Amino acid sequence: MADPYRALGSLYLRATECVARAARSDDDGQGMVEYALILVLIAIVVIVVLQLVGKQVNNVFSNISNGLAR
């Protein structure tokens, strides 16, 4: 007759290996999500900054263009 403790131990080891493999594969996806969130945050900051200083930058370039046209 097989030892029930050995069978339970083997089952436990296989289950922990499966969980460890799943955790490793989830880390890759989690990293991609974090990078995507960072990119979205940077895009939002750039849009807000351009909205705030866009007219000023446009005025600077217009002044330079008008100065060169003379």
N, C-alpha and C. Protein backbone atom coordinates (compact mmCIF):
# COMPACT_ATOMS: atom_id res chain seq x y z
N MET A 1 0.83 -1.17 0.00
CA MET A 1 0.00 0.00 0.00
C MET A 1 0.88 1.24 0.00
N ALA A 2 0.48 2.25 -0.74
CA ALA A 2 1.26 3.48 -0.85
C ALA A 2 1.11 4.31 0.42
N ASP A 3 2.17 5.02 0.72
CA ASP A 3 2.18 5.89 1.90
C ASP A 3 1.35 7.14 1.60
N PRO A 4 0.26 7.41 2.37
CA PRO A 4 -0.61 8.57 2.08
C PRO A 4 0.13 9.90 2.31
N TYR A 5 1.08 9.92 3.26
CA TYR A 5 1.81 11.16 3.52
C TYR A 5 2.73 11.51 2.35
N ARG A 6 3.30 10.49 1.74
CA ARG A 6 4.17 10.72 0.58
C ARG A 6 3.33 11.25 -0.59
N ALA A 7 2.14 10.68 -0.79
CA ALA A 7 1.26 11.14 -1.87
C ALA A 7 0.81 12.58 -1.63
N LEU A 8 0.46 12.92 -0.38
CA LEU A 8 0.07 14.29 -0.06
C LEU A 8 1.24 15.25 -0.24
N GLY A 9 2.43 14.82 0.17
CA GLY A 9 3.62 15.66 0.00
C GLY A 9 3.90 15.92 -1.47
N SER A 10 3.76 14.90 -2.29
CA SER A 10 3.98 15.05 -3.72
C SER A 10 2.94 15.99 -4.34
N LEU A 11 1.69 15.82 -3.93
CA LEU A 11 0.63 16.69 -4.42
C LEU A 11 0.88 18.14 -4.01
N TYR A 12 1.32 18.33 -2.77
CA TYR A 12 1.62 19.68 -2.27
C TYR A 12 2.75 20.32 -3.08
N LEU A 13 3.81 19.54 -3.36
CA LEU A 13 4.93 20.07 -4.14
C LEU A 13 4.49 20.45 -5.55
N ARG A 14 3.67 19.61 -6.17
CA ARG A 14 3.19 19.94 -7.52
C ARG A 14 2.32 21.20 -7.51
N ALA A 15 1.49 21.33 -6.49
CA ALA A 15 0.62 22.51 -6.40
C ALA A 15 1.45 23.78 -6.19
N THR A 16 2.47 23.71 -5.34
CA THR A 16 3.31 24.89 -5.12
C THR A 16 4.11 25.25 -6.36
N GLU A 17 4.53 24.24 -7.13
CA GLU A 17 5.23 24.52 -8.40
C GLU A 17 4.30 25.22 -9.39
N CYS A 18 3.06 24.79 -9.46
CA CYS A 18 2.09 25.42 -10.36
C CYS A 18 1.84 26.87 -9.95
N VAL A 19 1.68 27.10 -8.66
CA VAL A 19 1.46 28.46 -8.16
C VAL A 19 2.68 29.33 -8.44
N ALA A 20 3.87 28.79 -8.26
CA ALA A 20 5.10 29.56 -8.51
C ALA A 20 5.21 29.90 -9.98
N ARG A 21 4.89 28.95 -10.87
CA ARG A 21 4.94 29.23 -12.31
C ARG A 21 3.93 30.30 -12.69
N ALA A 22 2.74 30.23 -12.13
CA ALA A 22 1.71 31.23 -12.42
C ALA A 22 2.13 32.60 -11.92
N ALA A 23 2.76 32.64 -10.76
CA ALA A 23 3.21 33.93 -10.22
C ALA A 23 4.29 34.53 -11.09
N ARG A 24 5.19 33.71 -11.60
CA ARG A 24 6.25 34.23 -12.47
C ARG A 24 5.68 34.78 -13.76
N SER A 25 4.72 34.09 -14.36
CA SER A 25 4.14 34.56 -15.61
C SER A 25 3.28 35.80 -15.38
N ASP A 26 2.65 35.93 -14.22
CA ASP A 26 1.85 37.12 -13.92
C ASP A 26 2.73 38.34 -13.75
N ASP A 27 3.97 38.16 -13.29
CA ASP A 27 4.87 39.30 -13.09
C ASP A 27 5.17 39.99 -14.41
N ASP A 28 5.31 39.22 -15.48
CA ASP A 28 5.59 39.82 -16.78
C ASP A 28 4.43 40.71 -17.23
N GLY A 29 3.22 40.22 -17.10
CA GLY A 29 2.06 41.01 -17.46
C GLY A 29 1.89 42.22 -16.56
N GLN A 30 2.19 42.06 -15.30
CA GLN A 30 2.09 43.17 -14.35
C GLN A 30 3.08 44.26 -14.72
N GLY A 31 4.27 43.88 -15.12
CA GLY A 31 5.27 44.87 -15.52
C GLY A 31 4.81 45.66 -16.73
N MET A 32 4.19 44.98 -17.70
CA MET A 32 3.69 45.67 -18.88
C MET A 32 2.58 46.64 -18.53
N VAL A 33 1.72 46.25 -17.60
CA VAL A 33 0.64 47.14 -17.17
C VAL A 33 1.22 48.36 -16.48
N GLU A 34 2.25 48.16 -15.66
CA GLU A 34 2.87 49.30 -14.98
C GLU A 34 3.50 50.25 -15.98
N TYR A 35 4.18 49.72 -17.01
CA TYR A 35 4.75 50.58 -18.04
C TYR A 35 3.67 51.34 -18.79
N ALA A 36 2.56 50.68 -19.08
CA ALA A 36 1.46 51.34 -19.78
C ALA A 36 0.88 52.47 -18.93
N LEU A 37 0.72 52.23 -17.63
CA LEU A 37 0.20 53.28 -16.75
C LEU A 37 1.16 54.47 -16.68
N ILE A 38 2.45 54.20 -16.65
CA ILE A 38 3.43 55.28 -16.62
C ILE A 38 3.35 56.09 -17.92
N LEU A 39 3.23 55.41 -19.06
CA LEU A 39 3.12 56.11 -20.34
C LEU A 39 1.86 56.97 -20.40
N VAL A 40 0.75 56.46 -19.88
CA VAL A 40 -0.49 57.23 -19.86
C VAL A 40 -0.32 58.46 -18.98
N LEU A 41 0.32 58.30 -17.82
CA LEU A 41 0.54 59.43 -16.93
C LEU A 41 1.42 60.48 -17.59
N ILE A 42 2.48 60.06 -18.28
CA ILE A 42 3.35 61.01 -18.99
C ILE A 42 2.57 61.73 -20.08
N ALA A 43 1.74 61.00 -20.81
CA ALA A 43 0.94 61.63 -21.88
C ALA A 43 -0.01 62.68 -21.30
N ILE A 44 -0.63 62.38 -20.17
CA ILE A 44 -1.54 63.34 -19.54
C ILE A 44 -0.78 64.58 -19.10
N VAL A 45 0.40 64.41 -18.51
CA VAL A 45 1.20 65.55 -18.07
C VAL A 45 1.61 66.40 -19.27
N VAL A 46 2.02 65.78 -20.35
CA VAL A 46 2.43 66.53 -21.55
C VAL A 46 1.25 67.32 -22.11
N ILE A 47 0.08 66.72 -22.16
CA ILE A 47 -1.11 67.41 -22.67
C ILE A 47 -1.45 68.61 -21.80
N VAL A 48 -1.40 68.43 -20.48
CA VAL A 48 -1.73 69.53 -19.57
C VAL A 48 -0.71 70.65 -19.72
N VAL A 49 0.56 70.32 -19.79
CA VAL A 49 1.60 71.35 -19.93
C VAL A 49 1.43 72.09 -21.25
N LEU A 50 1.15 71.38 -22.33
CA LEU A 50 0.95 72.04 -23.61
C LEU A 50 -0.28 72.94 -23.60
N GLN A 51 -1.31 72.54 -22.89
CA GLN A 51 -2.50 73.38 -22.77
C GLN A 51 -2.17 74.66 -22.00
N LEU A 52 -1.34 74.55 -20.98
CA LEU A 52 -1.02 75.71 -20.14
C LEU A 52 -0.07 76.69 -20.83
N VAL A 53 0.93 76.19 -21.52
CA VAL A 53 1.94 77.07 -22.10
C VAL A 53 1.88 77.11 -23.63
N GLY A 54 0.89 76.49 -24.23
CA GLY A 54 0.81 76.42 -25.68
C GLY A 54 0.69 77.79 -26.34
N LYS A 55 -0.14 78.66 -25.78
CA LYS A 55 -0.32 79.99 -26.36
C LYS A 55 0.95 80.81 -26.24
N GLN A 56 1.64 80.67 -25.13
CA GLN A 56 2.89 81.41 -24.95
C GLN A 56 3.94 80.96 -25.95
N VAL A 57 4.04 79.67 -26.17
CA VAL A 57 5.00 79.14 -27.14
C VAL A 57 4.61 79.60 -28.55
N ASN A 58 3.33 79.60 -28.85
CA ASN A 58 2.86 80.07 -30.15
C ASN A 58 3.23 81.54 -30.34
N ASN A 59 3.08 82.36 -29.31
CA ASN A 59 3.44 83.77 -29.41
C ASN A 59 4.94 83.95 -29.65
N VAL A 60 5.75 83.15 -29.00
CA VAL A 60 7.20 83.24 -29.18
C VAL A 60 7.56 82.92 -30.63
N PHE A 61 7.01 81.85 -31.17
CA PHE A 61 7.31 81.48 -32.55
C PHE A 61 6.76 82.51 -33.53
N SER A 62 5.60 83.09 -33.23
CA SER A 62 5.06 84.13 -34.10
C SER A 62 5.97 85.34 -34.10
N ASN A 63 6.46 85.74 -32.94
CA ASN A 63 7.37 86.89 -32.85
C ASN A 63 8.66 86.61 -33.63
N ILE A 64 9.19 85.41 -33.51
CA ILE A 64 10.40 85.05 -34.25
C ILE A 64 10.13 85.09 -35.75
N SER A 65 8.98 84.54 -36.18
CA SER A 65 8.63 84.52 -37.59
C SER A 65 8.45 85.94 -38.13
N ASN A 66 7.78 86.79 -37.36
CA ASN A 66 7.59 88.18 -37.78
C ASN A 66 8.92 88.92 -37.83
N GLY A 67 9.79 88.65 -36.90
CA GLY A 67 11.11 89.28 -36.90
C GLY A 67 11.95 88.88 -38.09
N LEU A 68 11.85 87.63 -38.50
CA LEU A 68 12.61 87.15 -39.65
C LEU A 68 12.03 87.67 -40.96
N ALA A 69 10.74 87.94 -41.02
CA ALA A 69 10.06 88.40 -42.23
C ALA A 69 10.43 89.83 -42.55
N ARG A 70 10.83 90.61 -41.57
CA ARG A 70 11.15 92.02 -41.82
C ARG A 70 12.39 92.22 -42.59
